[in-house]
Amino acid sequence: MSQFFVGVTTGALPPVVPTSFQTQNGTGVPAANILIVNGNDSTENNVNGIITKGGVVGTGTANEVDVVITNRIQGSTSTVGAATSTIFSFSPAVVGTYAFEIRIAAYNTTSLLGSGASLFGAIRYDGANVNICDLFDEINNDEGAMSGTDLAVTAVAGTMNLQAKGYLAQTINWSAVGLYTFVGA
């Protein structure tokens, strides 16, 4: 094994590498150099659904790299009684069609009941207004009285809203994640 080091010069050694890798869930610290690696989500459109960004231009920080899931929207809200509340809003910036798959989870903190739903549909953005192409298709899995809740996708000017409606004397927590596919001119 001692022959391995024969003829090794400074130029043949491996380059200096980062020695600390900070993530959103723990940090590996071999020694002194630092590279921050984050995982994020974004509403920005990218046909691959994922993009990496790095350095000052990509992240605003010289020693940071971000791995970003794109084409994603998420939000949460609560309803008290039969009120309607917006879970999330999406305001497109580019003219075209946006097809959505949205998953919603609801938990009734008053009666300890649950519900899950999926919505599928499309909107068209004309540069000023969001137009719902057709009613969104809805799949509901409601426990008991949670069948009294309702979900709706609405369009107001240049914004699409996902809204939830609760029911009498109940407090319900709502959470949703949506993915979209875009095509334009």
C-alpha atoms as a PDB file:
ATOM      1  CA  MET A   1       0.000   0.000   0.000  1.00  0.00           C
ATOM      2  CA  SER A   2       2.899   2.413   0.493  1.00  0.00           C
ATOM      3  CA  GLN A   3       3.336   2.564  -3.312  1.00  0.00           C
ATOM      4  CA  PHE A   4       0.049   4.464  -3.496  1.00  0.00           C
ATOM      5  CA  PHE A   5       1.718   7.664  -2.324  1.00  0.00           C
ATOM      6  CA  VAL A   6       4.778   7.389  -4.590  1.00  0.00           C
ATOM      7  CA  GLY A   7       4.797  10.221  -7.121  1.00  0.00           C
ATOM      8  CA  VAL A   8       1.878  12.129  -5.551  1.00  0.00           C
ATOM      9  CA  THR A   9       2.353  15.877  -5.938  1.00  0.00           C
ATOM     10  CA  THR A  10       0.382  18.808  -4.609  1.00  0.00           C
ATOM     11  CA  GLY A  11      -1.303  19.252  -8.007  1.00  0.00           C
ATOM     12  CA  ALA A  12      -2.542  15.657  -7.965  1.00  0.00           C
ATOM     13  CA  LEU A  13      -4.380  15.962  -4.648  1.00  0.00           C
ATOM     14  CA  PRO A  14      -8.169  16.320  -4.741  1.00  0.00           C
ATOM     15  CA  PRO A  15      -9.537  19.891  -4.711  1.00  0.00           C
ATOM     16  CA  VAL A  16     -10.737  21.595  -1.534  1.00  0.00           C
ATOM     17  CA  VAL A  17     -14.364  20.641  -0.887  1.00  0.00           C
ATOM     18  CA  PRO A  18     -17.018  22.047   1.446  1.00  0.00           C
ATOM     19  CA  THR A  19     -16.760  20.463   4.845  1.00  0.00           C
ATOM     20  CA  SER A  20     -20.114  21.379   6.370  1.00  0.00           C
ATOM     21  CA  PHE A  21     -23.466  20.535   4.789  1.00  0.00           C
ATOM     22  CA  GLN A  22     -26.377  22.338   6.470  1.00  0.00           C
ATOM     23  CA  THR A  23     -29.869  21.063   5.599  1.00  0.00           C
ATOM     24  CA  GLN A  24     -33.347  21.869   6.850  1.00  0.00           C
ATOM     25  CA  ASN A  25     -33.237  18.672   8.879  1.00  0.00           C
ATOM     26  CA  GLY A  26     -29.836  18.512  10.562  1.00  0.00           C
ATOM     27  CA  THR A  27     -26.248  19.480   9.761  1.00  0.00           C
ATOM     28  CA  GLY A  28     -23.232  17.352   8.857  1.00  0.00           C
ATOM     29  CA  VAL A  29     -20.061  19.064  10.120  1.00  0.00           C
ATOM     30  CA  PRO A  30     -16.853  17.397   8.928  1.00  0.00           C
ATOM     31  CA  ALA A  31     -14.720  20.585   9.421  1.00  0.00           C
ATOM     32  CA  ALA A  32     -14.621  24.255   8.278  1.00  0.00           C
ATOM     33  CA  ASN A  33     -16.262  25.018   4.866  1.00  0.00           C
ATOM     34  CA  ILE A  34     -20.048  25.582   4.726  1.00  0.00           C
ATOM     35  CA  LEU A  35     -22.582  24.981   1.939  1.00  0.00           C
ATOM     36  CA  ILE A  36     -26.230  25.569   2.855  1.00  0.00           C
ATOM     37  CA  VAL A  37     -28.638  23.225   1.023  1.00  0.00           C
ATOM     38  CA  ASN A  38     -32.386  23.892   1.343  1.00  0.00           C
ATOM     39  CA  GLY A  39     -35.470  22.208  -0.054  1.00  0.00           C
ATOM     40  CA  ASN A  40     -38.324  24.574  -0.941  1.00  0.00           C
ATOM     41  CA  ASP A  41     -41.483  24.774  -2.994  1.00  0.00           C
ATOM     42  CA  SER A  42     -42.584  27.477  -5.401  1.00  0.00           C
ATOM     43  CA  THR A  43     -45.477  28.473  -7.633  1.00  0.00           C
ATOM     44  CA  GLU A  44     -43.052  29.245 -10.471  1.00  0.00           C
ATOM     45  CA  ASN A  45     -43.569  27.232 -13.665  1.00  0.00           C
ATOM     46  CA  ASN A  46     -40.918  24.677 -14.664  1.00  0.00           C
ATOM     47  CA  VAL A  47     -41.738  21.753 -16.973  1.00  0.00           C
ATOM     48  CA  ASN A  48     -39.566  19.395 -14.900  1.00  0.00           C
ATOM     49  CA  GLY A  49     -41.372  20.260 -11.667  1.00  0.00           C
ATOM     50  CA  ILE A  50     -38.036  20.777  -9.900  1.00  0.00           C
ATOM     51  CA  ILE A  51     -35.176  23.260 -10.219  1.00  0.00           C
ATOM     52  CA  THR A  52     -31.901  23.897  -8.403  1.00  0.00           C
ATOM     53  CA  LYS A  53     -30.634  27.398  -7.657  1.00  0.00           C
ATOM     54  CA  GLY A  54     -27.313  28.492  -6.272  1.00  0.00           C
ATOM     55  CA  GLY A  55     -25.135  31.414  -5.308  1.00  0.00           C
ATOM     56  CA  VAL A  56     -26.008  35.086  -5.117  1.00  0.00           C
ATOM     57  CA  VAL A  57     -27.951  35.074  -8.408  1.00  0.00           C
ATOM     58  CA  GLY A  58     -30.099  32.053  -7.516  1.00  0.00           C
ATOM     59  CA  THR A  59     -30.589  32.380  -3.766  1.00  0.00           C
ATOM     60  CA  GLY A  60     -29.195  35.740  -2.693  1.00  0.00           C
ATOM     61  CA  THR A  61     -26.526  34.039  -0.581  1.00  0.00           C
ATOM     62  CA  ALA A  62     -23.121  33.030  -1.932  1.00  0.00           C
ATOM     63  CA  ASN A  63     -22.861  29.743  -0.013  1.00  0.00           C
ATOM     64  CA  GLU A  64     -26.408  28.438  -0.539  1.00  0.00           C
ATOM     65  CA  VAL A  65     -27.971  25.950  -2.950  1.00  0.00           C
ATOM     66  CA  ASP A  66     -31.747  25.472  -3.061  1.00  0.00           C
ATOM     67  CA  VAL A  67     -33.578  22.479  -4.479  1.00  0.00           C
ATOM     68  CA  VAL A  68     -37.072  23.750  -5.344  1.00  0.00           C
ATOM     69  CA  ILE A  69     -40.216  21.781  -6.204  1.00  0.00           C
ATOM     70  CA  THR A  70     -42.020  24.010  -8.711  1.00  0.00           C
ATOM     71  CA  ASN A  71     -45.578  24.260 -10.037  1.00  0.00           C
ATOM     72  CA  ARG A  72     -46.844  23.867  -6.468  1.00  0.00           C
ATOM     73  CA  ILE A  73     -49.352  25.804  -4.399  1.00  0.00           C
ATOM     74  CA  GLN A  74     -50.160  25.200  -0.747  1.00  0.00           C
ATOM     75  CA  GLY A  75     -52.098  26.823   2.024  1.00  0.00           C
ATOM     76  CA  SER A  76     -54.239  26.366   5.101  1.00  0.00           C
ATOM     77  CA  THR A  77     -57.103  28.027   6.931  1.00  0.00           C
ATOM     78  CA  SER A  78     -59.754  27.410   9.567  1.00  0.00           C
ATOM     79  CA  THR A  79     -63.525  27.826   9.445  1.00  0.00           C
ATOM     80  CA  VAL A  80     -65.786  28.473  12.416  1.00  0.00           C
ATOM     81  CA  GLY A  81     -69.434  27.633  11.831  1.00  0.00           C
ATOM     82  CA  ALA A  82     -70.869  27.815   8.316  1.00  0.00           C
ATOM     83  CA  ALA A  83     -68.301  30.431   7.236  1.00  0.00           C
ATOM     84  CA  THR A  84     -66.366  30.316   3.964  1.00  0.00           C
ATOM     85  CA  SER A  85     -62.609  30.859   4.029  1.00  0.00           C
ATOM     86  CA  THR A  86     -59.908  30.871   1.335  1.00  0.00           C
ATOM     87  CA  ILE A  87     -57.339  28.088   1.678  1.00  0.00           C
ATOM     88  CA  PHE A  88     -55.050  29.502  -1.033  1.00  0.00           C
ATOM     89  CA  SER A  89     -55.052  31.893  -3.969  1.00  0.00           C
ATOM     90  CA  PHE A  90     -53.154  31.656  -7.271  1.00  0.00           C
ATOM     91  CA  SER A  91     -52.551  34.616  -9.568  1.00  0.00           C
ATOM     92  CA  PRO A  92     -50.990  33.496 -12.860  1.00  0.00           C
ATOM     93  CA  ALA A  93     -48.564  35.806 -14.632  1.00  0.00           C
ATOM     94  CA  VAL A  94     -48.396  34.189 -18.078  1.00  0.00           C
ATOM     95  CA  VAL A  95     -51.251  33.846 -20.590  1.00  0.00           C
ATOM     96  CA  GLY A  96     -52.276  30.211 -21.080  1.00  0.00           C
ATOM     97  CA  THR A  97     -53.994  27.210 -19.524  1.00  0.00           C
ATOM     98  CA  TYR A  98     -53.236  25.802 -16.074  1.00  0.00           C
ATOM     99  CA  ALA A  99     -54.465  22.280 -15.223  1.00  0.00           C
ATOM    100  CA  PHE A 100     -54.690  21.578 -11.465  1.00  0.00           C
ATOM    101  CA  GLU A 101     -54.630  18.558  -9.159  1.00  0.00           C
ATOM    102  CA  ILE A 102     -55.412  19.643  -5.596  1.00  0.00           C
ATOM    103  CA  ARG A 103     -55.482  17.523  -2.415  1.00  0.00           C
ATOM    104  CA  ILE A 104     -57.335  18.825   0.628  1.00  0.00           C
ATOM    105  CA  ALA A 105     -57.371  17.492   4.204  1.00  0.00           C
ATOM    106  CA  ALA A 106     -59.800  18.726   6.857  1.00  0.00           C
ATOM    107  CA  TYR A 107     -59.976  18.055  10.595  1.00  0.00           C
ATOM    108  CA  ASN A 108     -62.993  18.993  12.682  1.00  0.00           C
ATOM    109  CA  THR A 109     -61.587  20.003  16.082  1.00  0.00           C
ATOM    110  CA  THR A 110     -65.073  20.264  17.618  1.00  0.00           C
ATOM    111  CA  SER A 111     -66.446  16.807  16.768  1.00  0.00           C
ATOM    112  CA  LEU A 112     -63.107  15.065  16.092  1.00  0.00           C
ATOM    113  CA  LEU A 113     -63.998  14.104  12.501  1.00  0.00           C
ATOM    114  CA  GLY A 114     -61.920  14.037   9.325  1.00  0.00           C
ATOM    115  CA  SER A 115     -62.315  14.558   5.610  1.00  0.00           C
ATOM    116  CA  GLY A 116     -60.186  14.336   2.489  1.00  0.00           C
ATOM    117  CA  ALA A 117     -60.860  15.502  -1.040  1.00  0.00           C
ATOM    118  CA  SER A 118     -59.247  15.857  -4.444  1.00  0.00           C
ATOM    119  CA  LEU A 119     -60.112  18.463  -7.046  1.00  0.00           C
ATOM    120  CA  PHE A 120     -59.211  18.305 -10.729  1.00  0.00           C
ATOM    121  CA  GLY A 121     -59.775  21.120 -13.185  1.00  0.00           C
ATOM    122  CA  ALA A 122     -58.344  23.850 -15.365  1.00  0.00           C
ATOM    123  CA  ILE A 123     -58.259  27.606 -15.642  1.00  0.00           C
ATOM    124  CA  ARG A 124     -57.319  29.864 -18.540  1.00  0.00           C
ATOM    125  CA  TYR A 125     -55.569  33.166 -17.966  1.00  0.00           C
ATOM    126  CA  ASP A 126     -56.048  35.816 -20.676  1.00  0.00           C
ATOM    127  CA  GLY A 127     -53.617  38.391 -19.300  1.00  0.00           C
ATOM    128  CA  ALA A 128     -56.204  40.111 -17.117  1.00  0.00           C
ATOM    129  CA  ASN A 129     -58.777  37.561 -15.925  1.00  0.00           C
ATOM    130  CA  VAL A 130     -58.812  33.980 -14.709  1.00  0.00           C
ATOM    131  CA  ASN A 131     -61.501  31.913 -16.451  1.00  0.00           C
ATOM    132  CA  ILE A 132     -62.552  28.535 -15.020  1.00  0.00           C
ATOM    133  CA  CYS A 133     -62.683  26.142 -17.997  1.00  0.00           C
ATOM    134  CA  ASP A 134     -65.425  23.947 -16.457  1.00  0.00           C
ATOM    135  CA  LEU A 135     -66.514  23.036 -12.938  1.00  0.00           C
ATOM    136  CA  PHE A 136     -63.676  21.309 -11.097  1.00  0.00           C
ATOM    137  CA  ASP A 137     -64.240  17.560 -10.609  1.00  0.00           C
ATOM    138  CA  GLU A 138     -64.357  16.652  -6.933  1.00  0.00           C
ATOM    139  CA  ILE A 139     -63.743  13.409  -5.063  1.00  0.00           C
ATOM    140  CA  ASN A 140     -64.834  13.535  -1.391  1.00  0.00           C
ATOM    141  CA  ASN A 141     -64.121  11.181   1.473  1.00  0.00           C
ATOM    142  CA  ASP A 142     -66.119  12.680   4.350  1.00  0.00           C
ATOM    143  CA  GLU A 143     -66.486  11.142   7.791  1.00  0.00           C
ATOM    144  CA  GLY A 144     -70.015  11.454   9.190  1.00  0.00           C
ATOM    145  CA  ALA A 145     -71.292  15.020   9.463  1.00  0.00           C
ATOM    146  CA  MET A 146     -68.273  16.336   7.533  1.00  0.00           C
ATOM    147  CA  SER A 147     -70.457  15.763   4.469  1.00  0.00           C
ATOM    148  CA  GLY A 148     -71.921  19.150   5.442  1.00  0.00           C
ATOM    149  CA  THR A 149     -68.707  20.907   4.328  1.00  0.00           C
ATOM    150  CA  ASP A 150     -68.101  22.221   0.827  1.00  0.00           C
ATOM    151  CA  LEU A 151     -65.157  23.127  -1.400  1.00  0.00           C
ATOM    152  CA  ALA A 152     -65.201  25.564  -4.305  1.00  0.00           C
ATOM    153  CA  VAL A 153     -62.800  27.023  -6.848  1.00  0.00           C
ATOM    154  CA  THR A 154     -63.656  30.618  -7.708  1.00  0.00           C
ATOM    155  CA  ALA A 155     -62.187  33.219 -10.046  1.00  0.00           C
ATOM    156  CA  VAL A 156     -62.058  36.913  -9.176  1.00  0.00           C
ATOM    157  CA  ALA A 157     -60.365  39.082 -11.823  1.00  0.00           C
ATOM    158  CA  GLY A 158     -56.809  37.683 -12.199  1.00  0.00           C
ATOM    159  CA  THR A 159     -56.918  35.314  -9.212  1.00  0.00           C
ATOM    160  CA  MET A 160     -58.105  31.742  -8.648  1.00  0.00           C
ATOM    161  CA  ASN A 161     -59.201  30.924  -5.086  1.00  0.00           C
ATOM    162  CA  LEU A 162     -59.663  27.557  -3.369  1.00  0.00           C
ATOM    163  CA  GLN A 163     -62.345  28.031  -0.726  1.00  0.00           C
ATOM    164  CA  ALA A 164     -63.712  25.837   2.053  1.00  0.00           C
ATOM    165  CA  LYS A 165     -67.059  26.134   3.784  1.00  0.00           C
ATOM    166  CA  GLY A 166     -67.636  24.699   7.246  1.00  0.00           C
ATOM    167  CA  TYR A 167     -70.914  23.900   8.986  1.00  0.00           C
ATOM    168  CA  LEU A 168     -72.883  25.077  11.998  1.00  0.00           C
ATOM    169  CA  ALA A 169     -71.129  25.188  15.409  1.00  0.00           C
ATOM    170  CA  GLN A 170     -67.989  23.381  14.205  1.00  0.00           C
ATOM    171  CA  THR A 171     -64.354  24.514  13.968  1.00  0.00           C
ATOM    172  CA  ILE A 172     -62.525  22.901  11.068  1.00  0.00           C
ATOM    173  CA  ASN A 173     -58.839  23.146  10.106  1.00  0.00           C
ATOM    174  CA  TRP A 174     -58.127  22.896   6.365  1.00  0.00           C
ATOM    175  CA  SER A 175     -54.887  22.252   4.476  1.00  0.00           C
ATOM    176  CA  ALA A 176     -54.319  21.886   0.731  1.00  0.00           C
ATOM    177  CA  VAL A 177     -51.508  21.180  -1.723  1.00  0.00           C
ATOM    178  CA  GLY A 178     -51.955  21.748  -5.440  1.00  0.00           C
ATOM    179  CA  LEU A 179     -49.843  20.961  -8.473  1.00  0.00           C
ATOM    180  CA  TYR A 180     -50.360  22.494 -11.893  1.00  0.00           C
ATOM    181  CA  THR A 181     -49.300  21.895 -15.466  1.00  0.00           C
ATOM    182  CA  PHE A 182     -49.032  24.935 -17.765  1.00  0.00           C
ATOM    183  CA  VAL A 183     -49.154  25.488 -21.510  1.00  0.00           C
ATOM    184  CA  GLY A 184     -49.282  28.795 -23.353  1.00  0.00           C
ATOM    185  CA  ALA A 185     -48.788  30.215 -26.822  1.00  0.00           C
END
